[in-house]
Amino acid sequence: MQPLRSLDDEDEVGISELYRQHASALLTHLRTNLKSREDAEDLLLEVFIAALERDSLRTLSQEEQRFWLWRVARNKLVDHYRKRARQQNLPLEVASDMVSPDGEFIPEWTVLRNEEQRDLITVIEGLPSLQKEVLLLRYVEGLRSPEIARMLGKRDTAVRMILSRTLNLLRQTFEKRLGGR
C-alpha cells in the first residue's frame, strides 16, 4: 500500500461527505456478510482509505462514486474471504484420526490427507472465478445462498444452481482423480 498523500481542504470535505452519505449503509452491508463487527469496521476503513488514495474519485458523479465505493467494499469482502480460505485449520476429529492410540502421529495418514487436499485445491483453482467465489462464501464463510445472492447481485435460485453444478463437477472430477491412483 502506498503512503497516504496529504489532503487539502477540498479533499477532506469530499471524503467526509462521502463517508457521511455512505458509511452507514456500507457498514450494514459488510456487517451482514462478516461474522464480527470489528472485521466489518476494518473493511469499511479500508474502503475509505482506498477512496482517499484515488485522486480521480472526486471527478466522478455522485452515483459513480457510490458504485465505486460499493464495488471496493465487495472486493474487500472477497479479499477477506480469500485470506481466510488460505488459512489452514484442522478440525479436532481429523487430527485425532491422525494420531495412533499411543499419541504418536501416523505419518502415512498425514501424507495422504495432504495429497488429497492439494488435489482438491488444484481442482478448485481450475474453476471459473464465480464458482470459486460461491464455494468460498458458502463453505469457508458459512454464508447461506440468499446472503451470497445479495452479495453477488444474483438471485437465490441462480446461486443454488451454481453451487449444485459446481459441487457435482468437483465430485466427478475428484472421483476421476482418485480412481487414477
Protein backbone atom coordinates (compact mmCIF):
# COMPACT_ATOMS: atom_id res chain seq x y z
CA MET A 1 0.00 0.00 0.00
CA GLN A 2 1.23 3.46 -0.83
CA PRO A 3 1.62 6.11 1.85
CA LEU A 4 -1.32 8.48 2.01
CA ARG A 5 -0.82 11.79 0.26
CA SER A 6 -1.51 14.97 2.16
CA LEU A 7 -5.08 16.19 1.94
CA ASP A 8 -6.19 19.65 1.04
CA ASP A 9 -9.40 21.15 2.43
CA GLU A 10 -11.40 20.17 -0.65
CA ASP A 11 -10.30 16.53 -0.32
CA GLU A 12 -11.23 16.46 3.35
CA VAL A 13 -14.68 17.86 2.66
CA GLY A 14 -15.23 15.42 -0.23
CA ILE A 15 -14.16 12.34 1.71
CA SER A 16 -16.04 13.33 4.85
CA GLU A 17 -19.16 13.94 2.75
CA LEU A 18 -18.75 10.53 1.08
CA TYR A 19 -18.32 8.98 4.49
CA ARG A 20 -21.39 10.76 5.87
CA GLN A 21 -23.52 9.64 2.91
CA HIS A 22 -22.38 6.04 2.53
CA ALA A 23 -20.60 4.70 5.62
CA SER A 24 -23.72 3.56 7.45
CA ALA A 25 -25.09 1.55 4.51
CA LEU A 26 -21.67 0.12 3.67
CA LEU A 27 -21.09 -0.90 7.28
CA THR A 28 -24.50 -2.58 7.39
CA HIS A 29 -23.66 -4.48 4.20
CA LEU A 30 -20.25 -5.51 5.49
CA ARG A 31 -21.68 -6.44 8.87
CA THR A 32 -24.29 -8.75 7.31
CA ASN A 33 -21.55 -10.55 5.38
CA LEU A 34 -18.99 -10.88 8.16
CA LYS A 35 -19.13 -12.62 11.49
CA SER A 36 -17.54 -9.88 13.55
CA ARG A 37 -18.33 -6.20 13.81
CA GLU A 38 -14.61 -5.48 14.13
CA ASP A 39 -13.87 -7.10 10.76
CA ALA A 40 -16.68 -5.08 9.17
CA GLU A 41 -15.33 -1.85 10.65
CA ASP A 42 -11.81 -2.70 9.48
CA LEU A 43 -13.01 -3.31 5.94
CA LEU A 44 -15.04 -0.09 5.99
CA LEU A 45 -11.87 1.74 6.97
CA GLU A 46 -10.02 0.06 4.09
CA VAL A 47 -12.75 1.18 1.66
CA PHE A 48 -12.37 4.81 2.68
CA ILE A 49 -8.57 4.58 2.66
CA ALA A 50 -8.90 3.40 -0.94
CA ALA A 51 -11.17 6.40 -1.57
CA LEU A 52 -8.51 8.71 -0.15
CA GLU A 53 -5.89 7.15 -2.41
CA ARG A 54 -7.99 7.56 -5.55
CA ASP A 55 -7.35 11.06 -6.87
CA SER A 56 -9.92 10.83 -9.62
CA LEU A 57 -12.79 9.88 -7.31
CA ARG A 58 -13.99 13.45 -6.93
CA THR A 59 -14.26 13.81 -10.72
CA LEU A 60 -16.96 11.11 -10.75
CA SER A 61 -20.66 11.85 -10.37
CA GLN A 62 -22.29 11.09 -7.03
CA GLU A 63 -23.84 7.94 -8.47
CA GLU A 64 -20.49 6.80 -9.91
CA GLN A 65 -18.83 7.47 -6.53
CA ARG A 66 -21.48 5.37 -4.80
CA PHE A 67 -21.00 2.49 -7.26
CA TRP A 68 -17.23 2.76 -6.86
CA LEU A 69 -17.45 2.59 -3.06
CA TRP A 70 -19.76 -0.42 -3.19
CA ARG A 71 -17.51 -2.22 -5.69
CA VAL A 72 -14.49 -1.59 -3.47
CA ALA A 73 -16.43 -2.87 -0.43
CA ARG A 74 -17.38 -6.03 -2.32
CA ASN A 75 -13.78 -6.54 -3.44
CA LYS A 76 -12.54 -6.05 0.13
CA LEU A 77 -15.01 -8.72 1.27
CA VAL A 78 -13.78 -11.13 -1.37
CA ASP A 79 -10.17 -10.44 -0.39
CA HIS A 80 -11.08 -11.06 3.24
CA TYR A 81 -12.65 -14.42 2.37
CA ARG A 82 -9.68 -15.40 0.24
CA LYS A 83 -7.25 -14.67 3.06
CA ARG A 84 -9.31 -16.76 5.44
CA ALA A 85 -9.52 -19.59 2.91
CA ARG A 86 -5.73 -19.76 2.74
CA GLN A 87 -5.51 -20.28 6.49
CA GLN A 88 -5.42 -23.98 7.12
CA ASN A 89 -7.41 -25.16 10.10
CA LEU A 90 -7.57 -28.80 11.03
CA PRO A 91 -10.76 -29.98 12.75
CA LEU A 92 -10.17 -31.81 16.02
CA GLU A 93 -11.82 -35.00 14.70
CA VAL A 94 -9.38 -35.14 11.77
CA ALA A 95 -6.39 -34.50 14.00
CA SER A 96 -7.46 -37.28 16.37
CA ASP A 97 -7.78 -39.68 13.40
CA MET A 98 -4.16 -38.95 12.51
CA VAL A 99 -2.88 -39.98 15.94
CA SER A 100 -2.24 -43.57 17.00
CA PRO A 101 -3.54 -44.85 20.35
CA ASP A 102 -0.16 -44.14 21.97
CA GLY A 103 -0.35 -40.44 20.98
CA GLU A 104 2.08 -40.58 18.04
CA PHE A 105 1.21 -39.05 14.67
CA ILE A 106 0.80 -41.58 11.87
CA PRO A 107 2.87 -40.11 9.02
CA GLU A 108 1.15 -42.08 6.25
CA TRP A 109 -2.23 -40.59 7.13
CA THR A 110 -0.79 -37.11 7.23
CA VAL A 111 0.81 -37.55 3.79
CA LEU A 112 -2.39 -38.97 2.26
CA ARG A 113 -4.51 -36.18 3.72
CA ASN A 114 -2.09 -33.53 2.41
CA GLU A 115 -2.14 -35.08 -1.08
CA GLU A 116 -5.93 -35.14 -1.10
CA GLN A 117 -6.06 -31.50 -0.01
CA ARG A 118 -3.58 -30.47 -2.72
CA ASP A 119 -5.61 -32.33 -5.35
CA LEU A 120 -8.83 -30.68 -4.23
CA ILE A 121 -7.21 -27.22 -4.18
CA THR A 122 -5.87 -27.80 -7.70
CA VAL A 123 -9.33 -28.73 -8.95
CA ILE A 124 -10.94 -25.73 -7.23
CA GLU A 125 -8.32 -23.35 -8.61
CA GLY A 126 -9.25 -24.51 -12.10
CA LEU A 127 -12.87 -23.41 -11.67
CA PRO A 128 -14.21 -20.15 -13.10
CA SER A 129 -13.97 -17.25 -10.63
CA LEU A 130 -17.73 -17.08 -9.95
CA GLN A 131 -17.84 -20.76 -8.99
CA LYS A 132 -14.79 -20.36 -6.73
CA GLU A 133 -16.31 -17.32 -5.09
CA VAL A 134 -19.63 -19.06 -4.43
CA LEU A 135 -17.82 -22.07 -2.91
CA LEU A 136 -15.68 -19.82 -0.76
CA LEU A 137 -18.61 -17.81 0.52
CA ARG A 138 -20.67 -20.93 1.24
CA TYR A 139 -18.14 -23.31 2.75
CA VAL A 140 -15.42 -21.09 4.13
CA GLU A 141 -17.53 -18.21 5.36
CA GLY A 142 -20.63 -20.30 6.05
CA LEU A 143 -22.98 -17.93 4.26
CA ARG A 144 -26.34 -19.20 3.03
CA SER A 145 -27.39 -18.84 -0.60
CA PRO A 146 -29.69 -15.82 0.00
CA GLU A 147 -26.77 -13.95 1.60
CA ILE A 148 -24.45 -14.93 -1.24
CA ALA A 149 -27.05 -13.88 -3.79
CA ARG A 150 -27.36 -10.43 -2.19
CA MET A 151 -23.61 -10.05 -2.07
CA LEU A 152 -23.10 -11.05 -5.71
CA GLY A 153 -26.19 -9.29 -7.06
CA LYS A 154 -27.75 -12.56 -8.22
CA ARG A 155 -30.97 -14.41 -7.49
CA ASP A 156 -31.01 -17.05 -4.77
CA THR A 157 -32.03 -19.72 -7.30
CA ALA A 158 -29.07 -18.82 -9.51
CA VAL A 159 -26.65 -19.15 -6.58
CA ARG A 160 -28.17 -22.51 -5.64
CA MET A 161 -27.79 -23.71 -9.23
CA ILE A 162 -24.16 -22.54 -9.41
CA LEU A 163 -23.41 -24.25 -6.13
CA SER A 164 -25.11 -27.50 -7.13
CA ARG A 165 -23.40 -27.68 -10.51
CA THR A 166 -20.02 -26.80 -9.01
CA LEU A 167 -20.30 -29.48 -6.32
CA ASN A 168 -21.31 -32.07 -8.90
CA LEU A 169 -18.39 -31.08 -11.11
CA LEU A 170 -15.97 -31.24 -8.17
CA ARG A 171 -17.32 -34.61 -7.10
CA GLN A 172 -16.96 -36.07 -10.60
CA THR A 173 -13.51 -34.57 -11.17
CA PHE A 174 -12.20 -35.62 -7.78
CA GLU A 175 -13.56 -39.15 -8.15
CA LYS A 176 -11.81 -39.47 -11.53
CA ARG A 177 -8.53 -38.27 -10.00
CA LEU A 178 -8.83 -40.71 -7.11
CA GLY A 179 -9.70 -43.52 -9.50
CA GLY A 180 -6.47 -42.86 -11.38
CA ARG A 181 -4.26 -43.55 -8.34
